[in-house]
């Protein structure tokens, strides 16, 4: 039977904690990968191609979950991660789109 790992309630989501979690380039990359592929996804599939070790990826997923950005469900040996889109949109409307939307290819990246 699947079980959900602990996460903060919708009412306790904190903008500073969320932005601090997204400040790390690896976590931002993970979140952008999930954002562009809506729905639940296997943690390993999302992290495929990111050049850090499994323990480091696990740490980043934990930080994202504890910040309230994701939900992690354990299904046997598999962990499925989803962005808490509904909760985040209710608390901070437009935040995910503003932070995670890919930059247009025809514009230079911001420094």
PDB file of N, CA and C in Angstrom:
ATOM      1  N   UNK A   1       0.846  -1.177   0.000  1.00  0.00           N
ATOM      2  CA  UNK A   1       0.000   0.000   0.000  1.00  0.00           C
ATOM      3  C   UNK A   1       0.895   1.245   0.000  1.00  0.00           C
ATOM      4  N   UNK A   2       0.635   2.197  -0.921  1.00  0.00           N
ATOM      5  CA  UNK A   2       1.445   3.422  -0.973  1.00  0.00           C
ATOM      6  C   UNK A   2       1.279   4.260   0.293  1.00  0.00           C
ATOM      7  N   UNK A   3       2.363   4.921   0.662  1.00  0.00           N
ATOM      8  CA  UNK A   3       2.296   5.839   1.800  1.00  0.00           C
ATOM      9  C   UNK A   3       2.955   7.144   1.395  1.00  0.00           C
ATOM     10  N   UNK A   4       2.432   8.226   1.961  1.00  0.00           N
ATOM     11  CA  UNK A   4       2.941   9.553   1.654  1.00  0.00           C
ATOM     12  C   UNK A   4       3.904   9.994   2.744  1.00  0.00           C
ATOM     13  N   UNK A   5       5.054  10.532   2.338  1.00  0.00           N
ATOM     14  CA  UNK A   5       6.028  11.035   3.294  1.00  0.00           C
ATOM     15  C   UNK A   5       5.521  12.352   3.888  1.00  0.00           C
ATOM     16  N   UNK A   6       5.952  12.700   5.104  1.00  0.00           N
ATOM     17  CA  UNK A   6       5.477  13.929   5.754  1.00  0.00           C
ATOM     18  C   UNK A   6       5.829  15.179   4.953  1.00  0.00           C
ATOM     19  N   UNK A   7       4.914  16.130   4.999  1.00  0.00           N
ATOM     20  CA  UNK A   7       5.110  17.405   4.313  1.00  0.00           C
ATOM     21  C   UNK A   7       4.325  18.471   5.066  1.00  0.00           C
ATOM     22  N   UNK A   8       4.675  19.737   4.894  1.00  0.00           N
ATOM     23  CA  UNK A   8       3.939  20.795   5.588  1.00  0.00           C
ATOM     24  C   UNK A   8       2.514  20.928   5.048  1.00  0.00           C
ATOM     25  N   UNK A   9       1.625  21.391   5.880  1.00  0.00           N
ATOM     26  CA  UNK A   9       0.250  21.639   5.444  1.00  0.00           C
ATOM     27  C   UNK A   9       0.221  22.850   4.513  1.00  0.00           C
ATOM     28  N   UNK A  10      -0.850  22.981   3.762  1.00  0.00           N
ATOM     29  CA  UNK A  10      -0.999  24.121   2.853  1.00  0.00           C
ATOM     30  C   UNK A  10      -0.879  25.438   3.612  1.00  0.00           C
ATOM     31  N   UNK A  11      -1.522  25.522   4.762  1.00  0.00           N
ATOM     32  CA  UNK A  11      -1.519  26.771   5.530  1.00  0.00           C
ATOM     33  C   UNK A  11      -0.152  27.140   6.086  1.00  0.00           C
ATOM     34  N   UNK A  12       0.737  26.159   6.243  1.00  0.00           N
ATOM     35  CA  UNK A  12       2.050  26.461   6.818  1.00  0.00           C
ATOM     36  C   UNK A  12       3.130  26.688   5.761  1.00  0.00           C
ATOM     37  N   UNK A  13       2.762  26.677   4.474  1.00  0.00           N
ATOM     38  CA  UNK A  13       3.756  26.937   3.431  1.00  0.00           C
ATOM     39  C   UNK A  13       4.294  28.350   3.588  1.00  0.00           C
ATOM     40  N   UNK A  14       5.616  28.472   3.518  1.00  0.00           N
ATOM     41  CA  UNK A  14       6.304  29.735   3.766  1.00  0.00           C
ATOM     42  C   UNK A  14       7.083  30.143   2.515  1.00  0.00           C
ATOM     43  N   UNK A  15       6.840  31.360   2.031  1.00  0.00           N
ATOM     44  CA  UNK A  15       7.462  31.824   0.801  1.00  0.00           C
ATOM     45  C   UNK A  15       8.984  31.850   0.886  1.00  0.00           C
ATOM     46  N   UNK A  16       9.534  32.276   1.997  1.00  0.00           N
ATOM     47  CA  UNK A  16      10.994  32.349   2.138  1.00  0.00           C
ATOM     48  C   UNK A  16      11.607  30.948   2.079  1.00  0.00           C
ATOM     49  N   UNK A  17      10.983  29.993   2.735  1.00  0.00           N
ATOM     50  CA  UNK A  17      11.465  28.606   2.709  1.00  0.00           C
ATOM     51  C   UNK A  17      11.401  28.040   1.297  1.00  0.00           C
ATOM     52  N   UNK A  18      10.329  28.326   0.593  1.00  0.00           N
ATOM     53  CA  UNK A  18      10.155  27.839  -0.777  1.00  0.00           C
ATOM     54  C   UNK A  18      11.218  28.442  -1.693  1.00  0.00           C
ATOM     55  N   UNK A  19      11.416  29.742  -1.606  1.00  0.00           N
ATOM     56  CA  UNK A  19      12.408  30.385  -2.460  1.00  0.00           C
ATOM     57  C   UNK A  19      13.828  29.932  -2.130  1.00  0.00           C
ATOM     58  N   UNK A  20      14.099  29.681  -0.859  1.00  0.00           N
ATOM     59  CA  UNK A  20      15.420  29.172  -0.461  1.00  0.00           C
ATOM     60  C   UNK A  20      15.650  27.783  -1.059  1.00  0.00           C
ATOM     61  N   UNK A  21      14.623  26.961  -1.067  1.00  0.00           N
ATOM     62  CA  UNK A  21      14.750  25.625  -1.652  1.00  0.00           C
ATOM     63  C   UNK A  21      15.011  25.718  -3.157  1.00  0.00           C
ATOM     64  N   UNK A  22      14.370  26.664  -3.811  1.00  0.00           N
ATOM     65  CA  UNK A  22      14.524  26.821  -5.260  1.00  0.00           C
ATOM     66  C   UNK A  22      15.817  27.534  -5.646  1.00  0.00           C
ATOM     67  N   UNK A  23      16.535  28.094  -4.677  1.00  0.00           N
ATOM     68  CA  UNK A  23      17.774  28.818  -4.970  1.00  0.00           C
ATOM     69  C   UNK A  23      18.907  27.898  -5.394  1.00  0.00           C
ATOM     70  N   UNK A  24      18.812  26.619  -5.058  1.00  0.00           N
ATOM     71  CA  UNK A  24      19.852  25.669  -5.444  1.00  0.00           C
ATOM     72  C   UNK A  24      19.645  25.258  -6.903  1.00  0.00           C
ATOM     73  N   UNK A  25      20.687  25.301  -7.730  1.00  0.00           N
ATOM     74  CA  UNK A  25      20.536  24.970  -9.151  1.00  0.00           C
ATOM     75  C   UNK A  25      20.027  23.551  -9.413  1.00  0.00           C
ATOM     76  N   UNK A  26      20.449  22.577  -8.619  1.00  0.00           N
ATOM     77  CA  UNK A  26      19.988  21.201  -8.830  1.00  0.00           C
ATOM     78  C   UNK A  26      18.499  21.094  -8.511  1.00  0.00           C
ATOM     79  N   UNK A  27      18.073  21.692  -7.412  1.00  0.00           N
ATOM     80  CA  UNK A  27      16.653  21.639  -7.053  1.00  0.00           C
ATOM     81  C   UNK A  27      15.805  22.387  -8.080  1.00  0.00           C
ATOM     82  N   UNK A  28      16.308  23.508  -8.563  1.00  0.00           N
ATOM     83  CA  UNK A  28      15.581  24.247  -9.587  1.00  0.00           C
ATOM     84  C   UNK A  28      15.456  23.407 -10.860  1.00  0.00           C
ATOM     85  N   UNK A  29      16.512  22.699 -11.220  1.00  0.00           N
ATOM     86  CA  UNK A  29      16.478  21.817 -12.389  1.00  0.00           C
ATOM     87  C   UNK A  29      15.458  20.699 -12.201  1.00  0.00           C
ATOM     88  N   UNK A  30      15.442  20.090 -11.018  1.00  0.00           N
ATOM     89  CA  UNK A  30      14.457  19.039 -10.737  1.00  0.00           C
ATOM     90  C   UNK A  30      13.036  19.578 -10.839  1.00  0.00           C
ATOM     91  N   UNK A  31      12.797  20.742 -10.245  1.00  0.00           N
ATOM     92  CA  UNK A  31      11.460  21.326 -10.267  1.00  0.00           C
ATOM     93  C   UNK A  31      11.045  21.694 -11.692  1.00  0.00           C
ATOM     94  N   UNK A  32      11.950  22.245 -12.475  1.00  0.00           N
ATOM     95  CA  UNK A  32      11.614  22.586 -13.865  1.00  0.00           C
ATOM     96  C   UNK A  32      11.293  21.331 -14.671  1.00  0.00           C
ATOM     97  N   UNK A  33      12.040  20.256 -14.424  1.00  0.00           N
ATOM     98  CA  UNK A  33      11.762  18.996 -15.126  1.00  0.00           C
ATOM     99  C   UNK A  33      10.365  18.489 -14.777  1.00  0.00           C
ATOM    100  N   UNK A  34       9.994  18.546 -13.506  1.00  0.00           N
ATOM    101  CA  UNK A  34       8.658  18.104 -13.098  1.00  0.00           C
ATOM    102  C   UNK A  34       7.583  19.057 -13.611  1.00  0.00           C
ATOM    103  N   UNK A  35       7.865  20.343 -13.612  1.00  0.00           N
ATOM    104  CA  UNK A  35       6.889  21.349 -14.026  1.00  0.00           C
ATOM    105  C   UNK A  35       6.514  21.182 -15.497  1.00  0.00           C
ATOM    106  N   UNK A  36       7.494  20.839 -16.315  1.00  0.00           N
ATOM    107  CA  UNK A  36       7.234  20.684 -17.751  1.00  0.00           C
ATOM    108  C   UNK A  36       6.590  19.345 -18.074  1.00  0.00           C
ATOM    109  N   UNK A  37       6.581  18.406 -17.113  1.00  0.00           N
ATOM    110  CA  UNK A  37       5.925  17.102 -17.291  1.00  0.00           C
ATOM    111  C   UNK A  37       4.897  16.947 -16.179  1.00  0.00           C
ATOM    112  N   UNK A  38       3.735  17.546 -16.330  1.00  0.00           N
ATOM    113  CA  UNK A  38       2.736  17.507 -15.252  1.00  0.00           C
ATOM    114  C   UNK A  38       2.360  16.071 -14.871  1.00  0.00           C
ATOM    115  N   UNK A  39       2.017  15.907 -13.603  1.00  0.00           N
ATOM    116  CA  UNK A  39       1.613  14.604 -13.100  1.00  0.00           C
ATOM    117  C   UNK A  39       2.698  13.987 -12.257  1.00  0.00           C
ATOM    118  N   UNK A  40       2.410  12.809 -11.746  1.00  0.00           N
ATOM    119  CA  UNK A  40       3.360  12.094 -10.898  1.00  0.00           C
ATOM    120  C   UNK A  40       4.469  11.509 -11.753  1.00  0.00           C
ATOM    121  N   UNK A  41       5.654  11.437 -11.166  1.00  0.00           N
ATOM    122  CA  UNK A  41       6.792  10.885 -11.889  1.00  0.00           C
ATOM    123  C   UNK A  41       7.721  10.179 -10.913  1.00  0.00           C
ATOM    124  N   UNK A  42       8.358   9.157 -11.383  1.00  0.00           N
ATOM    125  CA  UNK A  42       9.339   8.428 -10.597  1.00  0.00           C
ATOM    126  C   UNK A  42      10.539   9.332 -10.338  1.00  0.00           C
ATOM    127  N   UNK A  43      11.001   9.369  -9.091  1.00  0.00           N
ATOM    128  CA  UNK A  43      12.133  10.237  -8.721  1.00  0.00           C
ATOM    129  C   UNK A  43      13.348   9.989  -9.605  1.00  0.00           C
ATOM    130  N   UNK A  44      13.634   8.735  -9.882  1.00  0.00           N
ATOM    131  CA  UNK A  44      14.803   8.407 -10.694  1.00  0.00           C
ATOM    132  C   UNK A  44      14.649   8.916 -12.119  1.00  0.00           C
ATOM    133  N   UNK A  45      13.455   8.856 -12.673  1.00  0.00           N
ATOM    134  CA  UNK A  45      13.222   9.316 -14.042  1.00  0.00           C
ATOM    135  C   UNK A  45      13.422  10.820 -14.149  1.00  0.00           C
ATOM    136  N   UNK A  46      12.955  11.563 -13.163  1.00  0.00           N
ATOM    137  CA  UNK A  46      13.101  13.023 -13.177  1.00  0.00           C
ATOM    138  C   UNK A  46      14.579  13.398 -13.088  1.00  0.00           C
ATOM    139  N   UNK A  47      15.323  12.687 -12.250  1.00  0.00           N
ATOM    140  CA  UNK A  47      16.727  13.017 -11.999  1.00  0.00           C
ATOM    141  C   UNK A  47      17.672  12.482 -13.073  1.00  0.00           C
ATOM    142  N   UNK A  48      17.163  11.692 -14.004  1.00  0.00           N
ATOM    143  CA  UNK A  48      18.008  11.129 -15.052  1.00  0.00           C
ATOM    144  C   UNK A  48      18.694  12.247 -15.824  1.00  0.00           C
ATOM    145  N   UNK A  49      20.005  12.153 -15.942  1.00  0.00           N
ATOM    146  CA  UNK A  49      20.772  13.159 -16.670  1.00  0.00           C
ATOM    147  C   UNK A  49      21.374  14.239 -15.785  1.00  0.00           C
ATOM    148  N   UNK A  50      20.977  14.294 -14.523  1.00  0.00           N
ATOM    149  CA  UNK A  50      21.566  15.265 -13.602  1.00  0.00           C
ATOM    150  C   UNK A  50      22.817  14.615 -13.018  1.00  0.00           C
ATOM    151  N   UNK A  51      23.929  15.284 -13.149  1.00  0.00           N
ATOM    152  CA  UNK A  51      25.226  14.703 -12.806  1.00  0.00           C
ATOM    153  C   UNK A  51      25.590  14.832 -11.324  1.00  0.00           C
ATOM    154  N   UNK A  52      24.766  14.274 -10.448  1.00  0.00           N
ATOM    155  CA  UNK A  52      25.091  14.170  -9.026  1.00  0.00           C
ATOM    156  C   UNK A  52      24.696  12.778  -8.564  1.00  0.00           C
ATOM    157  N   UNK A  53      25.279  12.339  -7.464  1.00  0.00           N
ATOM    158  CA  UNK A  53      25.029  11.002  -6.964  1.00  0.00           C
ATOM    159  C   UNK A  53      23.630  10.823  -6.381  1.00  0.00           C
ATOM    160  N   UNK A  54      23.229   9.569  -6.229  1.00  0.00           N
ATOM    161  CA  UNK A  54      21.904   9.240  -5.703  1.00  0.00           C
ATOM    162  C   UNK A  54      21.662   9.816  -4.305  1.00  0.00           C
ATOM    163  N   UNK A  55      22.643   9.745  -3.377  1.00  0.00           N
ATOM    164  CA  UNK A  55      22.393  10.338  -2.062  1.00  0.00           C
ATOM    165  C   UNK A  55      22.144  11.846  -2.135  1.00  0.00           C
ATOM    166  N   UNK A  56      22.841  12.524  -3.038  1.00  0.00           N
ATOM    167  CA  UNK A  56      22.652  13.964  -3.191  1.00  0.00           C
ATOM    168  C   UNK A  56      21.280  14.268  -3.777  1.00  0.00           C
ATOM    169  N   UNK A  57      20.851  13.487  -4.749  1.00  0.00           N
ATOM    170  CA  UNK A  57      19.516  13.662  -5.330  1.00  0.00           C
ATOM    171  C   UNK A  57      18.462  13.436  -4.252  1.00  0.00           C
ATOM    172  N   UNK A  58      18.636  12.418  -3.421  1.00  0.00           N
ATOM    173  CA  UNK A  58      17.692  12.145  -2.328  1.00  0.00           C
ATOM    174  C   UNK A  58      17.607  13.341  -1.387  1.00  0.00           C
ATOM    175  N   UNK A  59      18.757  13.925  -1.085  1.00  0.00           N
ATOM    176  CA  UNK A  59      18.780  15.113  -0.221  1.00  0.00           C
ATOM    177  C   UNK A  59      17.967  16.249  -0.850  1.00  0.00           C
ATOM    178  N   UNK A  60      18.177  16.489  -2.137  1.00  0.00           N
ATOM    179  CA  UNK A  60      17.467  17.574  -2.812  1.00  0.00           C
ATOM    180  C   UNK A  60      15.954  17.323  -2.822  1.00  0.00           C
ATOM    181  N   UNK A  61      15.553  16.086  -3.068  1.00  0.00           N
ATOM    182  CA  UNK A  61      14.114  15.763  -3.024  1.00  0.00           C
ATOM    183  C   UNK A  61      13.551  16.003  -1.622  1.00  0.00           C
ATOM    184  N   UNK A  62      14.309  15.660  -0.593  1.00  0.00           N
ATOM    185  CA  UNK A  62      13.844  15.872   0.782  1.00  0.00           C
ATOM    186  C   UNK A  62      13.667  17.365   1.060  1.00  0.00           C
ATOM    187  N   UNK A  63      14.625  18.183   0.626  1.00  0.00           N
ATOM    188  CA  UNK A  63      14.519  19.627   0.834  1.00  0.00           C
ATOM    189  C   UNK A  63      13.276  20.176   0.127  1.00  0.00           C
ATOM    190  N   UNK A  64      13.028  19.734  -1.096  1.00  0.00           N
ATOM    191  CA  UNK A  64      11.849  20.191  -1.829  1.00  0.00           C
ATOM    192  C   UNK A  64      10.556  19.789  -1.113  1.00  0.00           C
ATOM    193  N   UNK A  65      10.513  18.557  -0.612  1.00  0.00           N
ATOM    194  CA  UNK A  65       9.330  18.078   0.101  1.00  0.00           C
ATOM    195  C   UNK A  65       9.132  18.828   1.404  1.00  0.00           C
ATOM    196  N   UNK A  66      10.196  18.999   2.176  1.00  0.00           N
ATOM    197  CA  UNK A  66      10.087  19.680   3.465  1.00  0.00           C
ATOM    198  C   UNK A  66       9.767  21.169   3.304  1.00  0.00           C
ATOM    199  N   UNK A  67      10.109  21.758   2.166  1.00  0.00           N
ATOM    200  CA  UNK A  67       9.759  23.148   1.890  1.00  0.00           C
ATOM    201  C   UNK A  67       8.293  23.270   1.474  1.00  0.00           C
ATOM    202  N   UNK A  68       7.687  22.145   1.110  1.00  0.00           N
ATOM    203  CA  UNK A  68       6.285  22.154   0.705  1.00  0.00           C
ATOM    204  C   UNK A  68       6.067  22.227  -0.786  1.00  0.00           C
ATOM    205  N   UNK A  69       7.122  22.073  -1.562  1.00  0.00           N
ATOM    206  CA  UNK A  69       7.005  22.159  -3.012  1.00  0.00           C
ATOM    207  C   UNK A  69       6.510  20.867  -3.659  1.00  0.00           C
ATOM    208  N   UNK A  70       6.834  19.734  -3.051  1.00  0.00           N
ATOM    209  CA  UNK A  70       6.478  18.446  -3.654  1.00  0.00           C
ATOM    210  C   UNK A  70       5.823  17.518  -2.640  1.00  0.00           C
ATOM    211  N   UNK A  71       5.177  16.512  -3.179  1.00  0.00           N
ATOM    212  CA  UNK A  71       4.652  15.398  -2.403  1.00  0.00           C
ATOM    213  C   UNK A  71       5.402  14.157  -2.866  1.00  0.00           C
ATOM    214  N   UNK A  72       5.843  13.336  -1.929  1.00  0.00           N
ATOM    215  CA  UNK A  72       6.512  12.086  -2.272  1.00  0.00           C
ATOM    216  C   UNK A  72       5.692  10.933  -1.727  1.00  0.00           C
ATOM    217  N   UNK A  73       5.381   9.985  -2.617  1.00  0.00           N
ATOM    218  CA  UNK A  73       4.640   8.788  -2.252  1.00  0.00           C
ATOM    219  C   UNK A  73       5.556   7.592  -2.454  1.00  0.00           C
ATOM    220  N   UNK A  74       5.604   6.729  -1.444  1.00  0.00           N
ATOM    221  CA  UNK A  74       6.423   5.527  -1.514  1.00  0.00           C
ATOM    222  C   UNK A  74       5.531   4.372  -1.946  1.00  0.00           C
ATOM    223  N   UNK A  75       5.918   3.722  -3.043  1.00  0.00           N
ATOM    224  CA  UNK A  75       5.206   2.564  -3.571  1.00  0.00           C
ATOM    225  C   UNK A  75       6.209   1.421  -3.669  1.00  0.00           C
ATOM    226  N   UNK A  76       6.323   0.655  -2.598  1.00  0.00           N
ATOM    227  CA  UNK A  76       7.336  -0.398  -2.553  1.00  0.00           C
ATOM    228  C   UNK A  76       8.714   0.237  -2.513  1.00  0.00           C
ATOM    229  N   UNK A  77       9.567  -0.100  -3.483  1.00  0.00           N
ATOM    230  CA  UNK A  77      10.908   0.488  -3.553  1.00  0.00           C
ATOM    231  C   UNK A  77      10.938   1.753  -4.397  1.00  0.00           C
ATOM    232  N   UNK A  78       9.831   2.072  -4.985  1.00  0.00           N
ATOM    233  CA  UNK A  78       9.722   3.218  -5.890  1.00  0.00           C
ATOM    234  C   UNK A  78       9.198   4.443  -5.138  1.00  0.00           C
ATOM    235  N   UNK A  79       9.746   5.614  -5.456  1.00  0.00           N
ATOM    236  CA  UNK A  79       9.252   6.871  -4.890  1.00  0.00           C
ATOM    237  C   UNK A  79       8.736   7.729  -6.038  1.00  0.00           C
ATOM    238  N   UNK A  80       7.501   8.183  -5.858  1.00  0.00           N
ATOM    239  CA  UNK A  80       6.856   8.996  -6.881  1.00  0.00           C
ATOM    240  C   UNK A  80       6.720  10.403  -6.337  1.00  0.00           C
ATOM    241  N   UNK A  81       7.158  11.364  -7.126  1.00  0.00           N
ATOM    242  CA  UNK A  81       7.149  12.759  -6.689  1.00  0.00           C
ATOM    243  C   UNK A  81       6.226  13.575  -7.590  1.00  0.00           C
ATOM    244  N   UNK A  82       5.467  14.475  -6.958  1.00  0.00           N
ATOM    245  CA  UNK A  82       4.609  15.396  -7.705  1.00  0.00           C
ATOM    246  C   UNK A  82       4.757  16.792  -7.115  1.00  0.00           C
ATOM    247  N   UNK A  83       4.605  17.781  -7.959  1.00  0.00           N
ATOM    248  CA  UNK A  83       4.592  19.167  -7.487  1.00  0.00           C
ATOM    249  C   UNK A  83       3.230  19.422  -6.855  1.00  0.00           C
ATOM    250  N   UNK A  84       3.218  20.117  -5.755  1.00  0.00           N
ATOM    251  CA  UNK A  84       1.972  20.465  -5.072  1.00  0.00           C
ATOM    252  C   UNK A  84       1.357  21.702  -5.739  1.00  0.00           C
ATOM    253  N   UNK A  85       1.001  21.566  -6.992  1.00  0.00           N
ATOM    254  CA  UNK A  85       0.510  22.687  -7.805  1.00  0.00           C
ATOM    255  C   UNK A  85      -0.699  23.371  -7.170  1.00  0.00           C
ATOM    256  N   UNK A  86      -1.691  22.597  -6.793  1.00  0.00           N
ATOM    257  CA  UNK A  86      -2.922  23.181  -6.251  1.00  0.00           C
ATOM    258  C   UNK A  86      -2.650  23.949  -4.954  1.00  0.00           C
ATOM    259  N   UNK A  87      -1.887  23.334  -4.052  1.00  0.00           N
ATOM    260  CA  UNK A  87      -1.574  23.991  -2.779  1.00  0.00           C
ATOM    261  C   UNK A  87      -0.749  25.260  -2.993  1.00  0.00           C
ATOM    262  N   UNK A  88       0.243  25.186  -3.856  1.00  0.00           N
ATOM    263  CA  UNK A  88       1.106  26.341  -4.103  1.00  0.00           C
ATOM    264  C   UNK A  88       0.359  27.469  -4.813  1.00  0.00           C
ATOM    265  N   UNK A  89      -0.493  27.101  -5.736  1.00  0.00           N
ATOM    266  CA  UNK A  89      -1.265  28.126  -6.443  1.00  0.00           C
ATOM    267  C   UNK A  89      -2.254  28.811  -5.495  1.00  0.00           C
ATOM    268  N   UNK A  90      -2.829  28.039  -4.571  1.00  0.00           N
ATOM    269  CA  UNK A  90      -3.762  28.625  -3.597  1.00  0.00           C
ATOM    270  C   UNK A  90      -3.042  29.593  -2.659  1.00  0.00           C
ATOM    271  N   UNK A  91      -1.832  29.228  -2.227  1.00  0.00           N
ATOM    272  CA  UNK A  91      -1.077  30.065  -1.277  1.00  0.00           C
ATOM    273  C   UNK A  91      -0.367  31.226  -1.956  1.00  0.00           C
ATOM    274  N   UNK A  92       0.261  30.939  -3.106  1.00  0.00           N
ATOM    275  CA  UNK A  92       1.082  31.934  -3.798  1.00  0.00           C
ATOM    276  C   UNK A  92       0.746  31.917  -5.292  1.00  0.00           C
ATOM    277  N   UNK A  93      -0.367  32.522  -5.679  1.00  0.00           N
ATOM    278  CA  UNK A  93      -0.807  32.488  -7.083  1.00  0.00           C
ATOM    279  C   UNK A  93       0.274  32.987  -8.045  1.00  0.00           C
ATOM    280  N   UNK A  94       0.528  32.189  -9.076  1.00  0.00           N
ATOM    281  CA  UNK A  94       1.474  32.572 -10.117  1.00  0.00           C
ATOM    282  C   UNK A  94       2.931  32.297  -9.816  1.00  0.00           C
ATOM    283  N   UNK A  95       3.251  31.857  -8.609  1.00  0.00           N
ATOM    284  CA  UNK A  95       4.655  31.643  -8.235  1.00  0.00           C
ATOM    285  C   UNK A  95       5.326  30.585  -9.109  1.00  0.00           C
ATOM    286  N   UNK A  96       4.687  29.424  -9.247  1.00  0.00           N
ATOM    287  CA  UNK A  96       5.303  28.350 -10.031  1.00  0.00           C
ATOM    288  C   UNK A  96       5.559  28.786 -11.472  1.00  0.00           C
ATOM    289  N   UNK A  97       4.587  29.410 -12.089  1.00  0.00           N
ATOM    290  CA  UNK A  97       4.753  29.860 -13.475  1.00  0.00           C
ATOM    291  C   UNK A  97       5.878  30.881 -13.588  1.00  0.00           C
ATOM    292  N   UNK A  98       5.956  31.786 -12.627  1.00  0.00           N
ATOM    293  CA  UNK A  98       6.977  32.833 -12.673  1.00  0.00           C
ATOM    294  C   UNK A  98       8.384  32.281 -12.489  1.00  0.00           C
ATOM    295  N   UNK A  99       8.530  31.313 -11.610  1.00  0.00           N
ATOM    296  CA  UNK A  99       9.865  30.811 -11.270  1.00  0.00           C
ATOM    297  C   UNK A  99      10.292  29.642 -12.157  1.00  0.00           C
ATOM    298  N   UNK A 100       9.355  28.786 -12.560  1.00  0.00           N
ATOM    299  CA  UNK A 100       9.726  27.547 -13.236  1.00  0.00           C
ATOM    300  C   UNK A 100       9.525  27.545 -14.738  1.00  0.00           C
ATOM    301  N   UNK A 101       8.824  28.511 -15.272  1.00  0.00           N
ATOM    302  CA  UNK A 101       8.617  28.537 -16.722  1.00  0.00           C
ATOM    303  C   UNK A 101       9.962  28.676 -17.419  1.00  0.00           C
ATOM    304  N   UNK A 102      10.189  27.899 -18.470  1.00  0.00           N
ATOM    305  CA  UNK A 102      11.453  28.023 -19.194  1.00  0.00           C
ATOM    306  C   UNK A 102      11.553  29.393 -19.845  1.00  0.00           C
ATOM    307  N   UNK A 103      12.768  29.902 -19.889  1.00  0.00           N
ATOM    308  CA  UNK A 103      12.996  31.196 -20.522  1.00  0.00           C
ATOM    309  C   UNK A 103      12.885  31.022 -22.043  1.00  0.00           C
ATOM    310  N   UNK A 104      12.336  32.016 -22.737  1.00  0.00           N
ATOM    311  CA  UNK A 104      12.235  31.918 -24.194  1.00  0.00           C
ATOM    312  C   UNK A 104      13.623  31.714 -24.808  1.00  0.00           C
ATOM    313  N   UNK A 105      13.697  30.848 -25.796  1.00  0.00           N
ATOM    314  CA  UNK A 105      14.984  30.520 -26.424  1.00  0.00           C
ATOM    315  C   UNK A 105      15.574  31.697 -27.179  1.00  0.00           C
ATOM    316  N   UNK A 106      14.745  32.616 -27.628  1.00  0.00           N
ATOM    317  CA  UNK A 106      15.262  33.726 -28.429  1.00  0.00           C
ATOM    318  C   UNK A 106      15.763  34.903 -27.597  1.00  0.00           C
ATOM    319  N   UNK A 107      15.627  34.831 -26.277  1.00  0.00           N
ATOM    320  CA  UNK A 107      16.106  35.895 -25.412  1.00  0.00           C
ATOM    321  C   UNK A 107      17.342  35.413 -24.655  1.00  0.00           C
ATOM    322  N   UNK A 108      18.319  36.301 -24.472  1.00  0.00           N
ATOM    323  CA  UNK A 108      19.499  35.893 -23.703  1.00  0.00           C
ATOM    324  C   UNK A 108      19.119  35.625 -22.250  1.00  0.00           C
ATOM    325  N   UNK A 109      19.784  34.667 -21.643  1.00  0.00           N
ATOM    326  CA  UNK A 109      19.543  34.345 -20.225  1.00  0.00           C
ATOM    327  C   UNK A 109      19.949  35.528 -19.359  1.00  0.00           C
ATOM    328  N   UNK A 110      19.214  35.720 -18.286  1.00  0.00           N
ATOM    329  CA  UNK A 110      19.537  36.795 -17.335  1.00  0.00           C
ATOM    330  C   UNK A 110      20.752  36.404 -16.510  1.00  0.00           C
ATOM    331  N   UNK A 111      21.550  37.366 -16.180  1.00  0.00           N
ATOM    332  CA  UNK A 111      22.732  37.113 -15.360  1.00  0.00           C
ATOM    333  C   UNK A 111      22.390  37.154 -13.900  1.00  0.00           C
TER     334      UNK A 111
END
